[in-house]
């Protein structure tokens, strides 16, 4: 997907912001603090997966999106290869699948 310089920066800032928030929550959780809003933040996941595992998985997705953004390969569906589109990426900058492929995964 071809992004304008402005779109690139918007997505990069959003990814960095979310990554910072998640890293802070993970640090607090590992320090023994109770983090009240984790359920809404992390919905889904594997049954039995601990909150810190979900946070690490989400952080890995953000890291992968940032790496793809730097490499110029950002914005394609990992399932079918279609371009995700600006609207989807603006809403979910860490998205790695189109809505159809994401729905198929459950």
Protein backbone atom coordinates (compact mmCIF):
# COMPACT_ATOMS: atom_id res chain seq x y z
CA UNK A 1 0.00 0.00 0.00
CA UNK A 2 1.34 3.41 -0.94
CA UNK A 3 1.10 5.81 1.98
CA UNK A 4 1.62 9.54 1.83
CA UNK A 5 4.30 10.93 4.12
CA UNK A 6 1.54 12.34 6.33
CA UNK A 7 -0.29 8.99 6.55
CA UNK A 8 2.99 7.25 7.31
CA UNK A 9 3.63 9.62 10.22
CA UNK A 10 0.07 9.35 11.56
CA UNK A 11 0.29 5.55 11.63
CA UNK A 12 3.80 5.54 13.07
CA UNK A 13 2.75 7.88 15.91
CA UNK A 14 -0.36 5.79 16.63
CA UNK A 15 1.68 2.57 16.75
CA UNK A 16 4.33 4.11 19.00
CA UNK A 17 1.68 5.55 21.32
CA UNK A 18 -0.18 2.23 21.64
CA UNK A 19 3.11 0.37 22.11
CA UNK A 20 4.07 2.74 24.92
CA UNK A 21 0.69 2.26 26.60
CA UNK A 22 0.99 -1.52 26.37
CA UNK A 23 4.57 -1.56 27.63
CA UNK A 24 3.52 0.56 30.61
CA UNK A 25 0.62 -1.78 31.40
CA UNK A 26 2.89 -4.82 31.09
CA UNK A 27 5.48 -3.26 33.43
CA UNK A 28 2.80 -2.41 35.97
CA UNK A 29 1.27 -5.88 35.72
CA UNK A 30 4.64 -7.59 36.17
CA UNK A 31 5.34 -5.35 39.17
CA UNK A 32 2.23 -6.79 40.82
CA UNK A 33 -0.12 -3.88 40.25
CA UNK A 34 -3.70 -4.55 39.33
CA UNK A 35 -4.45 -3.15 35.89
CA UNK A 36 -8.22 -2.68 35.75
CA UNK A 37 -8.81 -2.09 32.02
CA UNK A 38 -6.98 -5.10 30.60
CA UNK A 39 -10.12 -7.02 29.60
CA UNK A 40 -11.35 -4.31 27.25
CA UNK A 41 -7.87 -3.72 25.90
CA UNK A 42 -6.98 -7.32 25.22
CA UNK A 43 -10.25 -9.05 24.31
CA UNK A 44 -9.94 -12.38 22.55
CA UNK A 45 -6.83 -14.44 22.82
CA UNK A 46 -6.28 -18.07 23.56
CA UNK A 47 -8.28 -19.72 26.37
CA UNK A 48 -6.11 -19.84 29.49
CA UNK A 49 -3.73 -17.18 28.16
CA UNK A 50 -2.48 -14.96 30.98
CA UNK A 51 -2.85 -11.17 30.67
CA UNK A 52 0.93 -10.68 30.41
CA UNK A 53 1.01 -13.17 27.52
CA UNK A 54 -1.74 -11.22 25.74
CA UNK A 55 0.14 -7.96 26.30
CA UNK A 56 3.35 -9.46 24.93
CA UNK A 57 1.49 -10.82 21.89
CA UNK A 58 -0.11 -7.44 21.23
CA UNK A 59 3.27 -5.70 21.62
CA UNK A 60 4.77 -8.15 19.11
CA UNK A 61 2.04 -7.21 16.60
CA UNK A 62 2.85 -3.53 17.07
CA UNK A 63 6.59 -4.21 16.69
CA UNK A 64 5.89 -6.17 13.50
CA UNK A 65 3.74 -3.34 12.12
CA UNK A 66 6.48 -0.79 12.87
CA UNK A 67 9.10 -3.01 11.21
CA UNK A 68 6.87 -3.40 8.13
CA UNK A 69 6.29 0.35 8.04
CA UNK A 70 10.07 0.95 8.08
CA UNK A 71 10.64 -1.72 5.42
CA UNK A 72 7.90 -0.40 3.13
CA UNK A 73 5.90 -3.64 3.30
CA UNK A 74 3.19 -2.34 5.63
CA UNK A 75 -0.51 -2.42 4.84
CA UNK A 76 -1.11 -5.78 3.16
CA UNK A 77 -3.30 -8.59 4.48
CA UNK A 78 -1.24 -11.54 5.68
CA UNK A 79 -4.09 -13.84 4.70
CA UNK A 80 -4.98 -12.87 1.14
CA UNK A 81 -2.51 -10.11 0.28
CA UNK A 82 -5.10 -7.41 -0.45
CA UNK A 83 -4.23 -3.84 0.58
CA UNK A 84 -5.92 -3.09 3.89
CA UNK A 85 -6.84 0.47 3.01
CA UNK A 86 -6.39 3.72 4.85
CA UNK A 87 -9.69 3.57 6.79
CA UNK A 88 -8.83 0.19 8.35
CA UNK A 89 -5.23 1.14 9.11
CA UNK A 90 -6.22 4.47 10.59
CA UNK A 91 -8.68 2.68 12.90
CA UNK A 92 -6.39 -0.30 13.68
CA UNK A 93 -2.79 0.55 12.76
CA UNK A 94 -1.63 -2.86 14.01
CA UNK A 95 -4.09 -4.72 11.76
CA UNK A 96 -2.40 -7.44 9.73
CA UNK A 97 -5.48 -8.92 8.07
CA UNK A 98 -8.42 -7.60 6.10
CA UNK A 99 -11.86 -7.78 7.72
CA UNK A 100 -12.75 -10.96 5.81
CA UNK A 101 -9.59 -12.85 6.78
CA UNK A 102 -9.83 -11.62 10.37
CA UNK A 103 -13.44 -12.82 10.60
CA UNK A 104 -12.45 -16.21 9.18
CA UNK A 105 -9.93 -16.62 12.00
CA UNK A 106 -12.67 -16.01 14.53
